[in-house]
Amino acid sequence: MAVKRARITPQAERDIDGETVYLAEKADAETGIRFFEAAHETFQALLEMPGRGRVRALTNPRLADVRQWPVSGFEKYLIFYRIVPTGVDIVRVLHGARDIDRILDEETQGH
C-alpha cells in the first residue's frame, strides 16, 4: 500500500511563509514558529482524516472539490485542500478575514 502524503502547493508554501513572517513581526518570533508548526501538524491531521473539512462552494471549476479546515490553534487561518488518491493537496492557507472567495476564484494553478 502506498504511503499517503500531504503535498503542499508552491502557493500554499508562500502563504505559510508569509503568515509566519507576518506573525513573527506583528506578535513575536515564537508566535510565528507556533503558526508554522500548527499548520504542518494540521496538514498531517487532515491526511489521517481528510473528510473532516467541508466543501467550499466556489465558482472556479478547477477548485470545485476544495475543502476547508482551520489551522489548529489559529482558527482564523483556513487551510484549503483537496482529497487526492495519494493523500491531500494543500492548495492555499489564508486568513479568514481576506476575500477568500475572490482569491480562490482567481486561482489559476493546476493541481
PDB file of N, CA and C in Angstrom:
ATOM      1  N   MET A   1       0.847  -1.182   0.000  1.00  0.00           N
ATOM      2  CA  MET A   1       0.000   0.000   0.000  1.00  0.00           C
ATOM      3  C   MET A   1       0.894   1.248   0.000  1.00  0.00           C
ATOM      4  N   ALA A   2       0.575   2.180  -0.853  1.00  0.00           N
ATOM      5  CA  ALA A   2       1.359   3.416  -0.974  1.00  0.00           C
ATOM      6  C   ALA A   2       1.154   4.292   0.263  1.00  0.00           C
ATOM      7  N   VAL A   3       2.192   4.976   0.638  1.00  0.00           N
ATOM      8  CA  VAL A   3       2.123   5.891   1.774  1.00  0.00           C
ATOM      9  C   VAL A   3       1.372   7.150   1.344  1.00  0.00           C
ATOM     10  N   LYS A   4       0.411   7.546   2.139  1.00  0.00           N
ATOM     11  CA  LYS A   4      -0.327   8.780   1.858  1.00  0.00           C
ATOM     12  C   LYS A   4       0.516   9.972   2.311  1.00  0.00           C
ATOM     13  N   ARG A   5       0.370  11.079   1.585  1.00  0.00           N
ATOM     14  CA  ARG A   5       1.162  12.252   1.946  1.00  0.00           C
ATOM     15  C   ARG A   5       0.363  13.528   1.712  1.00  0.00           C
ATOM     16  N   ALA A   6       0.780  14.569   2.418  1.00  0.00           N
ATOM     17  CA  ALA A   6       0.210  15.905   2.231  1.00  0.00           C
ATOM     18  C   ALA A   6       1.166  16.655   1.314  1.00  0.00           C
ATOM     19  N   ARG A   7       0.701  16.966   0.108  1.00  0.00           N
ATOM     20  CA  ARG A   7       1.520  17.737  -0.837  1.00  0.00           C
ATOM     21  C   ARG A   7       1.109  19.197  -0.714  1.00  0.00           C
ATOM     22  N   ILE A   8       2.092  20.049  -0.499  1.00  0.00           N
ATOM     23  CA  ILE A   8       1.825  21.484  -0.331  1.00  0.00           C
ATOM     24  C   ILE A   8       2.195  22.181  -1.632  1.00  0.00           C
ATOM     25  N   THR A   9       1.220  22.852  -2.238  1.00  0.00           N
ATOM     26  CA  THR A   9       1.498  23.556  -3.494  1.00  0.00           C
ATOM     27  C   THR A   9       2.453  24.718  -3.233  1.00  0.00           C
ATOM     28  N   PRO A  10       3.150  25.165  -4.269  1.00  0.00           N
ATOM     29  CA  PRO A  10       4.041  26.323  -4.091  1.00  0.00           C
ATOM     30  C   PRO A  10       3.320  27.557  -3.540  1.00  0.00           C
ATOM     31  N   GLN A  11       2.088  27.800  -3.991  1.00  0.00           N
ATOM     32  CA  GLN A  11       1.344  28.962  -3.488  1.00  0.00           C
ATOM     33  C   GLN A  11       1.024  28.794  -2.013  1.00  0.00           C
ATOM     34  N   ALA A  12       0.650  27.589  -1.589  1.00  0.00           N
ATOM     35  CA  ALA A  12       0.373  27.351  -0.171  1.00  0.00           C
ATOM     36  C   ALA A  12       1.645  27.530   0.661  1.00  0.00           C
ATOM     37  N   GLU A  13       2.786  27.114   0.125  1.00  0.00           N
ATOM     38  CA  GLU A  13       4.071  27.342   0.818  1.00  0.00           C
ATOM     39  C   GLU A  13       4.311  28.839   1.008  1.00  0.00           C
ATOM     40  N   ARG A  14       4.031  29.623  -0.043  1.00  0.00           N
ATOM     41  CA  ARG A  14       4.193  31.076   0.061  1.00  0.00           C
ATOM     42  C   ARG A  14       3.234  31.663   1.095  1.00  0.00           C
ATOM     43  N   ASP A  15       2.001  31.138   1.118  1.00  0.00           N
ATOM     44  CA  ASP A  15       1.023  31.597   2.110  1.00  0.00           C
ATOM     45  C   ASP A  15       1.543  31.357   3.526  1.00  0.00           C
ATOM     46  N   ILE A  16       2.021  30.146   3.787  1.00  0.00           N
ATOM     47  CA  ILE A  16       2.505  29.785   5.122  1.00  0.00           C
ATOM     48  C   ILE A  16       3.713  30.638   5.498  1.00  0.00           C
ATOM     49  N   ASP A  17       4.657  30.753   4.577  1.00  0.00           N
ATOM     50  CA  ASP A  17       5.852  31.557   4.852  1.00  0.00           C
ATOM     51  C   ASP A  17       5.483  33.008   5.140  1.00  0.00           C
ATOM     52  N   GLY A  18       4.587  33.558   4.339  1.00  0.00           N
ATOM     53  CA  GLY A  18       4.175  34.944   4.517  1.00  0.00           C
ATOM     54  C   GLY A  18       3.488  35.177   5.852  1.00  0.00           C
ATOM     55  N   GLU A  19       2.595  34.290   6.230  1.00  0.00           N
ATOM     56  CA  GLU A  19       1.890  34.439   7.508  1.00  0.00           C
ATOM     57  C   GLU A  19       2.832  34.210   8.677  1.00  0.00           C
ATOM     58  N   THR A  20       3.789  33.284   8.529  1.00  0.00           N
ATOM     59  CA  THR A  20       4.776  33.046   9.585  1.00  0.00           C
ATOM     60  C   THR A  20       5.579  34.314   9.844  1.00  0.00           C
ATOM     61  N   VAL A  21       6.050  34.951   8.784  1.00  0.00           N
ATOM     62  CA  VAL A  21       6.822  36.192   8.914  1.00  0.00           C
ATOM     63  C   VAL A  21       5.947  37.305   9.492  1.00  0.00           C
ATOM     64  N   TYR A  22       4.729  37.419   8.982  1.00  0.00           N
ATOM     65  CA  TYR A  22       3.809  38.450   9.464  1.00  0.00           C
ATOM     66  C   TYR A  22       3.587  38.311  10.973  1.00  0.00           C
ATOM     67  N   LEU A  23       3.283  37.094  11.426  1.00  0.00           N
ATOM     68  CA  LEU A  23       3.031  36.880  12.852  1.00  0.00           C
ATOM     69  C   LEU A  23       4.285  37.109  13.692  1.00  0.00           C
ATOM     70  N   ALA A  24       5.431  36.730  13.162  1.00  0.00           N
ATOM     71  CA  ALA A  24       6.692  36.958  13.886  1.00  0.00           C
ATOM     72  C   ALA A  24       6.948  38.453  14.051  1.00  0.00           C
ATOM     73  N   GLU A  25       6.614  39.237  13.018  1.00  0.00           N
ATOM     74  CA  GLU A  25       6.832  40.684  13.074  1.00  0.00           C
ATOM     75  C   GLU A  25       5.779  41.391  13.918  1.00  0.00           C
ATOM     76  N   LYS A  26       4.512  41.000  13.793  1.00  0.00           N
ATOM     77  CA  LYS A  26       3.421  41.687  14.486  1.00  0.00           C
ATOM     78  C   LYS A  26       3.252  41.217  15.928  1.00  0.00           C
ATOM     79  N   ALA A  27       3.585  39.976  16.206  1.00  0.00           N
ATOM     80  CA  ALA A  27       3.471  39.457  17.575  1.00  0.00           C
ATOM     81  C   ALA A  27       4.882  39.216  18.105  1.00  0.00           C
ATOM     82  N   ASP A  28       5.407  38.031  17.839  1.00  0.00           N
ATOM     83  CA  ASP A  28       6.790  37.712  18.196  1.00  0.00           C
ATOM     84  C   ASP A  28       7.207  36.454  17.443  1.00  0.00           C
ATOM     85  N   ALA A  29       8.502  36.178  17.481  1.00  0.00           N
ATOM     86  CA  ALA A  29       9.038  35.035  16.719  1.00  0.00           C
ATOM     87  C   ALA A  29       8.391  33.725  17.162  1.00  0.00           C
ATOM     88  N   GLU A  30       8.136  33.591  18.447  1.00  0.00           N
ATOM     89  CA  GLU A  30       7.527  32.357  18.954  1.00  0.00           C
ATOM     90  C   GLU A  30       6.146  32.115  18.327  1.00  0.00           C
ATOM     91  N   THR A  31       5.362  33.172  18.183  1.00  0.00           N
ATOM     92  CA  THR A  31       4.034  33.034  17.576  1.00  0.00           C
ATOM     93  C   THR A  31       4.162  32.594  16.119  1.00  0.00           C
ATOM     94  N   GLY A  32       5.102  33.180  15.396  1.00  0.00           N
ATOM     95  CA  GLY A  32       5.333  32.770  14.012  1.00  0.00           C
ATOM     96  C   GLY A  32       5.699  31.305  13.909  1.00  0.00           C
ATOM     97  N   ILE A  33       6.582  30.866  14.786  1.00  0.00           N
ATOM     98  CA  ILE A  33       7.004  29.456  14.775  1.00  0.00           C
ATOM     99  C   ILE A  33       5.836  28.545  15.148  1.00  0.00           C
ATOM    100  N   ARG A  34       5.062  28.950  16.152  1.00  0.00           N
ATOM    101  CA  ARG A  34       3.899  28.137  16.542  1.00  0.00           C
ATOM    102  C   ARG A  34       2.911  28.001  15.396  1.00  0.00           C
ATOM    103  N   PHE A  35       2.685  29.096  14.649  1.00  0.00           N
ATOM    104  CA  PHE A  35       1.783  29.028  13.498  1.00  0.00           C
ATOM    105  C   PHE A  35       2.317  28.038  12.459  1.00  0.00           C
ATOM    106  N   PHE A  36       3.593  28.159  12.115  1.00  0.00           N
ATOM    107  CA  PHE A  36       4.202  27.284  11.116  1.00  0.00           C
ATOM    108  C   PHE A  36       4.042  25.817  11.526  1.00  0.00           C
ATOM    109  N   GLU A  37       4.369  25.513  12.772  1.00  0.00           N
ATOM    110  CA  GLU A  37       4.266  24.136  13.262  1.00  0.00           C
ATOM    111  C   GLU A  37       2.819  23.666  13.311  1.00  0.00           C
ATOM    112  N   ALA A  38       1.914  24.537  13.748  1.00  0.00           N
ATOM    113  CA  ALA A  38       0.494  24.179  13.827  1.00  0.00           C
ATOM    114  C   ALA A  38      -0.074  23.886  12.443  1.00  0.00           C
ATOM    115  N   ALA A  39       0.319  24.676  11.440  1.00  0.00           N
ATOM    116  CA  ALA A  39      -0.157  24.436  10.076  1.00  0.00           C
ATOM    117  C   ALA A  39       0.265  23.048   9.611  1.00  0.00           C
ATOM    118  N   HIS A  40       1.532  22.707   9.802  1.00  0.00           N
ATOM    119  CA  HIS A  40       2.024  21.406   9.348  1.00  0.00           C
ATOM    120  C   HIS A  40       1.416  20.251  10.144  1.00  0.00           C
ATOM    121  N   GLU A  41       1.178  20.459  11.429  1.00  0.00           N
ATOM    122  CA  GLU A  41       0.503  19.428  12.223  1.00  0.00           C
ATOM    123  C   GLU A  41      -0.933  19.234  11.747  1.00  0.00           C
ATOM    124  N   THR A  42      -1.586  20.328  11.384  1.00  0.00           N
ATOM    125  CA  THR A  42      -2.958  20.228  10.883  1.00  0.00           C
ATOM    126  C   THR A  42      -2.988  19.518   9.534  1.00  0.00           C
ATOM    127  N   PHE A  43      -1.981  19.743   8.689  1.00  0.00           N
ATOM    128  CA  PHE A  43      -1.902  19.013   7.415  1.00  0.00           C
ATOM    129  C   PHE A  43      -1.877  17.511   7.679  1.00  0.00           C
ATOM    130  N   GLN A  44      -1.088  17.099   8.657  1.00  0.00           N
ATOM    131  CA  GLN A  44      -0.991  15.669   8.980  1.00  0.00           C
ATOM    132  C   GLN A  44      -2.311  15.131   9.515  1.00  0.00           C
ATOM    133  N   ALA A  45      -3.005  15.928  10.322  1.00  0.00           N
ATOM    134  CA  ALA A  45      -4.310  15.520  10.842  1.00  0.00           C
ATOM    135  C   ALA A  45      -5.312  15.358   9.700  1.00  0.00           C
ATOM    136  N   LEU A  46      -5.258  16.252   8.717  1.00  0.00           N
ATOM    137  CA  LEU A  46      -6.149  16.143   7.557  1.00  0.00           C
ATOM    138  C   LEU A  46      -5.812  14.903   6.746  1.00  0.00           C
ATOM    139  N   LEU A  47      -4.560  14.564   6.675  1.00  0.00           N
ATOM    140  CA  LEU A  47      -4.139  13.371   5.957  1.00  0.00           C
ATOM    141  C   LEU A  47      -4.743  12.123   6.607  1.00  0.00           C
ATOM    142  N   GLU A  48      -4.805  12.116   7.919  1.00  0.00           N
ATOM    143  CA  GLU A  48      -5.364  10.973   8.651  1.00  0.00           C
ATOM    144  C   GLU A  48      -6.886  10.906   8.528  1.00  0.00           C
ATOM    145  N   MET A  49      -7.533  12.059   8.398  1.00  0.00           N
ATOM    146  CA  MET A  49      -8.996  12.101   8.308  1.00  0.00           C
ATOM    147  C   MET A  49      -9.401  13.209   7.345  1.00  0.00           C
ATOM    148  N   PRO A  50      -9.192  12.997   6.045  1.00  0.00           N
ATOM    149  CA  PRO A  50      -9.388  14.066   5.062  1.00  0.00           C
ATOM    150  C   PRO A  50     -10.824  14.544   4.881  1.00  0.00           C
ATOM    151  N   GLY A  51     -11.798  13.745   5.215  1.00  0.00           N
ATOM    152  CA  GLY A  51     -13.180  14.140   5.002  1.00  0.00           C
ATOM    153  C   GLY A  51     -13.729  15.090   6.039  1.00  0.00           C
ATOM    154  N   ARG A  52     -12.915  15.471   7.026  1.00  0.00           N
ATOM    155  CA  ARG A  52     -13.427  16.321   8.106  1.00  0.00           C
ATOM    156  C   ARG A  52     -13.753  17.736   7.650  1.00  0.00           C
ATOM    157  N   GLY A  53     -13.039  18.264   6.675  1.00  0.00           N
ATOM    158  CA  GLY A  53     -13.308  19.619   6.204  1.00  0.00           C
ATOM    159  C   GLY A  53     -14.567  19.675   5.354  1.00  0.00           C
ATOM    160  N   ARG A  54     -15.183  20.855   5.334  1.00  0.00           N
ATOM    161  CA  ARG A  54     -16.385  20.999   4.496  1.00  0.00           C
ATOM    162  C   ARG A  54     -15.982  21.494   3.114  1.00  0.00           C
ATOM    163  N   VAL A  55     -16.754  21.083   2.111  1.00  0.00           N
ATOM    164  CA  VAL A  55     -16.506  21.535   0.742  1.00  0.00           C
ATOM    165  C   VAL A  55     -16.855  23.017   0.663  1.00  0.00           C
ATOM    166  N   ARG A  56     -15.977  23.792   0.060  1.00  0.00           N
ATOM    167  CA  ARG A  56     -16.196  25.233  -0.110  1.00  0.00           C
ATOM    168  C   ARG A  56     -16.791  25.454  -1.497  1.00  0.00           C
ATOM    169  N   ALA A  57     -17.976  26.043  -1.569  1.00  0.00           N
ATOM    170  CA  ALA A  57     -18.626  26.315  -2.852  1.00  0.00           C
ATOM    171  C   ALA A  57     -17.924  27.497  -3.519  1.00  0.00           C
ATOM    172  N   LEU A  58     -17.321  27.235  -4.667  1.00  0.00           N
ATOM    173  CA  LEU A  58     -16.613  28.265  -5.422  1.00  0.00           C
ATOM    174  C   LEU A  58     -17.089  28.250  -6.867  1.00  0.00           C
ATOM    175  N   THR A  59     -16.932  29.379  -7.541  1.00  0.00           N
ATOM    176  CA  THR A  59     -17.321  29.429  -8.944  1.00  0.00           C
ATOM    177  C   THR A  59     -16.210  28.922  -9.855  1.00  0.00           C
ATOM    178  N   ASN A  60     -14.980  28.837  -9.359  1.00  0.00           N
ATOM    179  CA  ASN A  60     -13.855  28.349 -10.150  1.00  0.00           C
ATOM    180  C   ASN A  60     -13.984  26.833 -10.296  1.00  0.00           C
ATOM    181  N   PRO A  61     -14.251  26.327 -11.506  1.00  0.00           N
ATOM    182  CA  PRO A  61     -14.446  24.885 -11.679  1.00  0.00           C
ATOM    183  C   PRO A  61     -13.192  24.066 -11.353  1.00  0.00           C
ATOM    184  N   ARG A  62     -12.016  24.684 -11.431  1.00  0.00           N
ATOM    185  CA  ARG A  62     -10.778  23.960 -11.098  1.00  0.00           C
ATOM    186  C   ARG A  62     -10.697  23.622  -9.615  1.00  0.00           C
ATOM    187  N   LEU A  63     -11.499  24.329  -8.819  1.00  0.00           N
ATOM    188  CA  LEU A  63     -11.461  24.126  -7.373  1.00  0.00           C
ATOM    189  C   LEU A  63     -12.801  23.637  -6.822  1.00  0.00           C
ATOM    190  N   ALA A  64     -13.566  22.971  -7.657  1.00  0.00           N
ATOM    191  CA  ALA A  64     -14.908  22.530  -7.268  1.00  0.00           C
ATOM    192  C   ALA A  64     -14.890  21.579  -6.066  1.00  0.00           C
ATOM    193  N   ASP A  65     -13.823  20.839  -5.880  1.00  0.00           N
ATOM    194  CA  ASP A  65     -13.763  19.845  -4.807  1.00  0.00           C
ATOM    195  C   ASP A  65     -12.920  20.289  -3.613  1.00  0.00           C
ATOM    196  N   VAL A  66     -12.604  21.577  -3.526  1.00  0.00           N
ATOM    197  CA  VAL A  66     -11.755  22.079  -2.449  1.00  0.00           C
ATOM    198  C   VAL A  66     -12.532  22.117  -1.134  1.00  0.00           C
ATOM    199  N   ARG A  67     -11.862  21.664  -0.088  1.00  0.00           N
ATOM    200  CA  ARG A  67     -12.423  21.669   1.261  1.00  0.00           C
ATOM    201  C   ARG A  67     -11.665  22.680   2.115  1.00  0.00           C
ATOM    202  N   GLN A  68     -12.252  23.062   3.224  1.00  0.00           N
ATOM    203  CA  GLN A  68     -11.565  23.980   4.125  1.00  0.00           C
ATOM    204  C   GLN A  68     -11.580  23.431   5.542  1.00  0.00           C
ATOM    205  N   TRP A  69     -10.513  23.778   6.294  1.00  0.00           N
ATOM    206  CA  TRP A  69     -10.389  23.378   7.694  1.00  0.00           C
ATOM    207  C   TRP A  69      -9.464  24.380   8.380  1.00  0.00           C
ATOM    208  N   PRO A  70      -9.760  24.767   9.619  1.00  0.00           N
ATOM    209  CA  PRO A  70      -8.906  25.748  10.295  1.00  0.00           C
ATOM    210  C   PRO A  70      -7.575  25.158  10.768  1.00  0.00           C
ATOM    211  N   VAL A  71      -6.577  26.022  10.854  1.00  0.00           N
ATOM    212  CA  VAL A  71      -5.282  25.634  11.429  1.00  0.00           C
ATOM    213  C   VAL A  71      -5.505  25.488  12.934  1.00  0.00           C
ATOM    214  N   SER A  72      -5.114  24.370  13.483  1.00  0.00           N
ATOM    215  CA  SER A  72      -5.291  24.099  14.906  1.00  0.00           C
ATOM    216  C   SER A  72      -4.571  25.160  15.748  1.00  0.00           C
ATOM    217  N   GLY A  73      -5.332  25.815  16.636  1.00  0.00           N
ATOM    218  CA  GLY A  73      -4.758  26.852  17.483  1.00  0.00           C
ATOM    219  C   GLY A  73      -4.731  28.228  16.846  1.00  0.00           C
ATOM    220  N   PHE A  74      -4.975  28.286  15.553  1.00  0.00           N
ATOM    221  CA  PHE A  74      -5.011  29.541  14.796  1.00  0.00           C
ATOM    222  C   PHE A  74      -6.258  29.498  13.906  1.00  0.00           C
ATOM    223  N   GLU A  75      -7.419  29.347  14.529  1.00  0.00           N
ATOM    224  CA  GLU A  75      -8.663  29.057  13.807  1.00  0.00           C
ATOM    225  C   GLU A  75      -9.086  30.113  12.803  1.00  0.00           C
ATOM    226  N   LYS A  76      -8.515  31.324  12.877  1.00  0.00           N
ATOM    227  CA  LYS A  76      -8.850  32.341  11.881  1.00  0.00           C
ATOM    228  C   LYS A  76      -8.133  32.078  10.555  1.00  0.00           C
ATOM    229  N   TYR A  77      -7.167  31.174  10.573  1.00  0.00           N
ATOM    230  CA  TYR A  77      -6.449  30.790   9.355  1.00  0.00           C
ATOM    231  C   TYR A  77      -7.063  29.498   8.831  1.00  0.00           C
ATOM    232  N   LEU A  78      -7.396  29.503   7.548  1.00  0.00           N
ATOM    233  CA  LEU A  78      -8.066  28.357   6.948  1.00  0.00           C
ATOM    234  C   LEU A  78      -7.161  27.668   5.925  1.00  0.00           C
ATOM    235  N   ILE A  79      -7.180  26.355   5.985  1.00  0.00           N
ATOM    236  CA  ILE A  79      -6.450  25.530   5.018  1.00  0.00           C
ATOM    237  C   ILE A  79      -7.456  25.113   3.951  1.00  0.00           C
ATOM    238  N   PHE A  80      -7.093  25.317   2.705  1.00  0.00           N
ATOM    239  CA  PHE A  80      -7.921  24.885   1.577  1.00  0.00           C
ATOM    240  C   PHE A  80      -7.185  23.735   0.908  1.00  0.00           C
ATOM    241  N   TYR A  81      -7.864  22.615   0.803  1.00  0.00           N
ATOM    242  CA  TYR A  81      -7.205  21.396   0.327  1.00  0.00           C
ATOM    243  C   TYR A  81      -8.175  20.538  -0.469  1.00  0.00           C
ATOM    244  N   ARG A  82      -7.609  19.594  -1.188  1.00  0.00           N
ATOM    245  CA  ARG A  82      -8.452  18.621  -1.888  1.00  0.00           C
ATOM    246  C   ARG A  82      -7.930  17.228  -1.574  1.00  0.00           C
ATOM    247  N   ILE A  83      -8.856  16.302  -1.557  1.00  0.00           N
ATOM    248  CA  ILE A  83      -8.520  14.900  -1.336  1.00  0.00           C
ATOM    249  C   ILE A  83      -8.116  14.309  -2.684  1.00  0.00           C
ATOM    250  N   VAL A  84      -6.964  13.665  -2.727  1.00  0.00           N
ATOM    251  CA  VAL A  84      -6.457  13.024  -3.940  1.00  0.00           C
ATOM    252  C   VAL A  84      -6.096  11.579  -3.593  1.00  0.00           C
ATOM    253  N   PRO A  85      -5.955  10.711  -4.592  1.00  0.00           N
ATOM    254  CA  PRO A  85      -5.639   9.307  -4.304  1.00  0.00           C
ATOM    255  C   PRO A  85      -4.370   9.112  -3.466  1.00  0.00           C
ATOM    256  N   THR A  86      -3.417  10.025  -3.589  1.00  0.00           N
ATOM    257  CA  THR A  86      -2.155   9.897  -2.849  1.00  0.00           C
ATOM    258  C   THR A  86      -2.197  10.543  -1.465  1.00  0.00           C
ATOM    259  N   GLY A  87      -3.315  11.180  -1.102  1.00  0.00           N
ATOM    260  CA  GLY A  87      -3.437  11.828   0.207  1.00  0.00           C
ATOM    261  C   GLY A  87      -4.239  13.104   0.111  1.00  0.00           C
ATOM    262  N   VAL A  88      -3.594  14.227   0.428  1.00  0.00           N
ATOM    263  CA  VAL A  88      -4.248  15.529   0.305  1.00  0.00           C
ATOM    264  C   VAL A  88      -3.289  16.515  -0.344  1.00  0.00           C
ATOM    265  N   ASP A  89      -3.842  17.400  -1.141  1.00  0.00           N
ATOM    266  CA  ASP A  89      -3.089  18.508  -1.727  1.00  0.00           C
ATOM    267  C   ASP A  89      -3.523  19.775  -1.006  1.00  0.00           C
ATOM    268  N   ILE A  90      -2.569  20.456  -0.382  1.00  0.00           N
ATOM    269  CA  ILE A  90      -2.846  21.719   0.299  1.00  0.00           C
ATOM    270  C   ILE A  90      -2.748  22.808  -0.766  1.00  0.00           C
ATOM    271  N   VAL A  91      -3.874  23.454  -1.069  1.00  0.00           N
ATOM    272  CA  VAL A  91      -3.956  24.425  -2.153  1.00  0.00           C
ATOM    273  C   VAL A  91      -3.573  25.827  -1.682  1.00  0.00           C
ATOM    274  N   ARG A  92      -4.141  26.259  -0.568  1.00  0.00           N
ATOM    275  CA  ARG A  92      -3.875  27.603  -0.019  1.00  0.00           C
ATOM    276  C   ARG A  92      -4.028  27.552   1.497  1.00  0.00           C
ATOM    277  N   VAL A  93      -3.433  28.530   2.169  1.00  0.00           N
ATOM    278  CA  VAL A  93      -3.623  28.756   3.605  1.00  0.00           C
ATOM    279  C   VAL A  93      -3.841  30.263   3.740  1.00  0.00           C
ATOM    280  N   LEU A  94      -5.082  30.649   4.104  1.00  0.00           N
ATOM    281  CA  LEU A  94      -5.459  32.062   4.089  1.00  0.00           C
ATOM    282  C   LEU A  94      -6.134  32.471   5.393  1.00  0.00           C
ATOM    283  N   HIS A  95      -5.944  33.724   5.777  1.00  0.00           N
ATOM    284  CA  HIS A  95      -6.644  34.269   6.937  1.00  0.00           C
ATOM    285  C   HIS A  95      -8.103  34.459   6.553  1.00  0.00           C
ATOM    286  N   GLY A  96      -8.992  34.112   7.460  1.00  0.00           N
ATOM    287  CA  GLY A  96     -10.427  34.183   7.198  1.00  0.00           C
ATOM    288  C   GLY A  96     -10.958  35.571   6.905  1.00  0.00           C
ATOM    289  N   ALA A  97     -10.224  36.625   7.275  1.00  0.00           N
ATOM    290  CA  ALA A  97     -10.685  37.995   7.025  1.00  0.00           C
ATOM    291  C   ALA A  97     -10.427  38.438   5.583  1.00  0.00           C
ATOM    292  N   ARG A  98      -9.641  37.671   4.864  1.00  0.00           N
ATOM    293  CA  ARG A  98      -9.356  38.038   3.467  1.00  0.00           C
ATOM    294  C   ARG A  98     -10.553  37.708   2.591  1.00  0.00           C
ATOM    295  N   ASP A  99     -10.571  38.223   1.382  1.00  0.00           N
ATOM    296  CA  ASP A  99     -11.652  37.944   0.434  1.00  0.00           C
ATOM    297  C   ASP A  99     -11.379  36.575  -0.200  1.00  0.00           C
ATOM    298  N   ILE A 100     -11.652  35.554   0.570  1.00  0.00           N
ATOM    299  CA  ILE A 100     -11.289  34.190   0.187  1.00  0.00           C
ATOM    300  C   ILE A 100     -11.953  33.762  -1.111  1.00  0.00           C
ATOM    301  N   ASP A 101     -13.229  34.038  -1.260  1.00  0.00           N
ATOM    302  CA  ASP A 101     -13.917  33.618  -2.486  1.00  0.00           C
ATOM    303  C   ASP A 101     -13.245  34.227  -3.718  1.00  0.00           C
ATOM    304  N   ARG A 102     -12.918  35.511  -3.650  1.00  0.00           N
ATOM    305  CA  ARG A 102     -12.264  36.157  -4.790  1.00  0.00           C
ATOM    306  C   ARG A 102     -10.885  35.539  -5.031  1.00  0.00           C
ATOM    307  N   ILE A 103     -10.106  35.360  -3.978  1.00  0.00           N
ATOM    308  CA  ILE A 103      -8.760  34.805  -4.117  1.00  0.00           C
ATOM    309  C   ILE A 103      -8.818  33.409  -4.739  1.00  0.00           C
ATOM    310  N   LEU A 104      -9.703  32.571  -4.229  1.00  0.00           N
ATOM    311  CA  LEU A 104      -9.776  31.203  -4.749  1.00  0.00           C
ATOM    312  C   LEU A 104     -10.425  31.149  -6.127  1.00  0.00           C
ATOM    313  N   ASP A 105     -11.367  32.020  -6.373  1.00  0.00           N
ATOM    314  CA  ASP A 105     -11.989  32.041  -7.708  1.00  0.00           C
ATOM    315  C   ASP A 105     -10.985  32.456  -8.782  1.00  0.00           C
ATOM    316  N   GLU A 106      -9.969  33.238  -8.385  1.00  0.00           N
ATOM    317  CA  GLU A 106      -8.944  33.667  -9.332  1.00  0.00           C
ATOM    318  C   GLU A 106      -7.773  32.691  -9.427  1.00  0.00           C
ATOM    319  N   GLU A 107      -7.782  31.673  -8.589  1.00  0.00           N
ATOM    320  CA  GLU A 107      -6.701  30.689  -8.558  1.00  0.00           C
ATOM    321  C   GLU A 107      -6.601  30.014  -9.927  1.00  0.00           C
ATOM    322  N   THR A 108      -5.417  30.057 -10.524  1.00  0.00           N
ATOM    323  CA  THR A 108      -5.248  29.501 -11.873  1.00  0.00           C
ATOM    324  C   THR A 108      -4.304  28.316 -11.897  1.00  0.00           C
ATOM    325  N   GLN A 109      -3.587  28.081 -10.798  1.00  0.00           N
ATOM    326  CA  GLN A 109      -2.650  26.961 -10.805  1.00  0.00           C
ATOM    327  C   GLN A 109      -3.408  25.651 -10.926  1.00  0.00           C
ATOM    328  N   GLY A 110      -2.832  24.737 -11.666  1.00  0.00           N
ATOM    329  CA  GLY A 110      -3.388  23.397 -11.726  1.00  0.00           C
ATOM    330  C   GLY A 110      -3.049  22.667 -10.451  1.00  0.00           C
ATOM    331  N   HIS A 111      -3.599  21.488 -10.276  1.00  0.00           N
ATOM    332  CA  HIS A 111      -3.301  20.699  -9.086  1.00  0.00           C
ATOM    333  C   HIS A 111      -2.439  19.580  -9.525  1.00  0.00           C
TER     334      HIS A 111
END
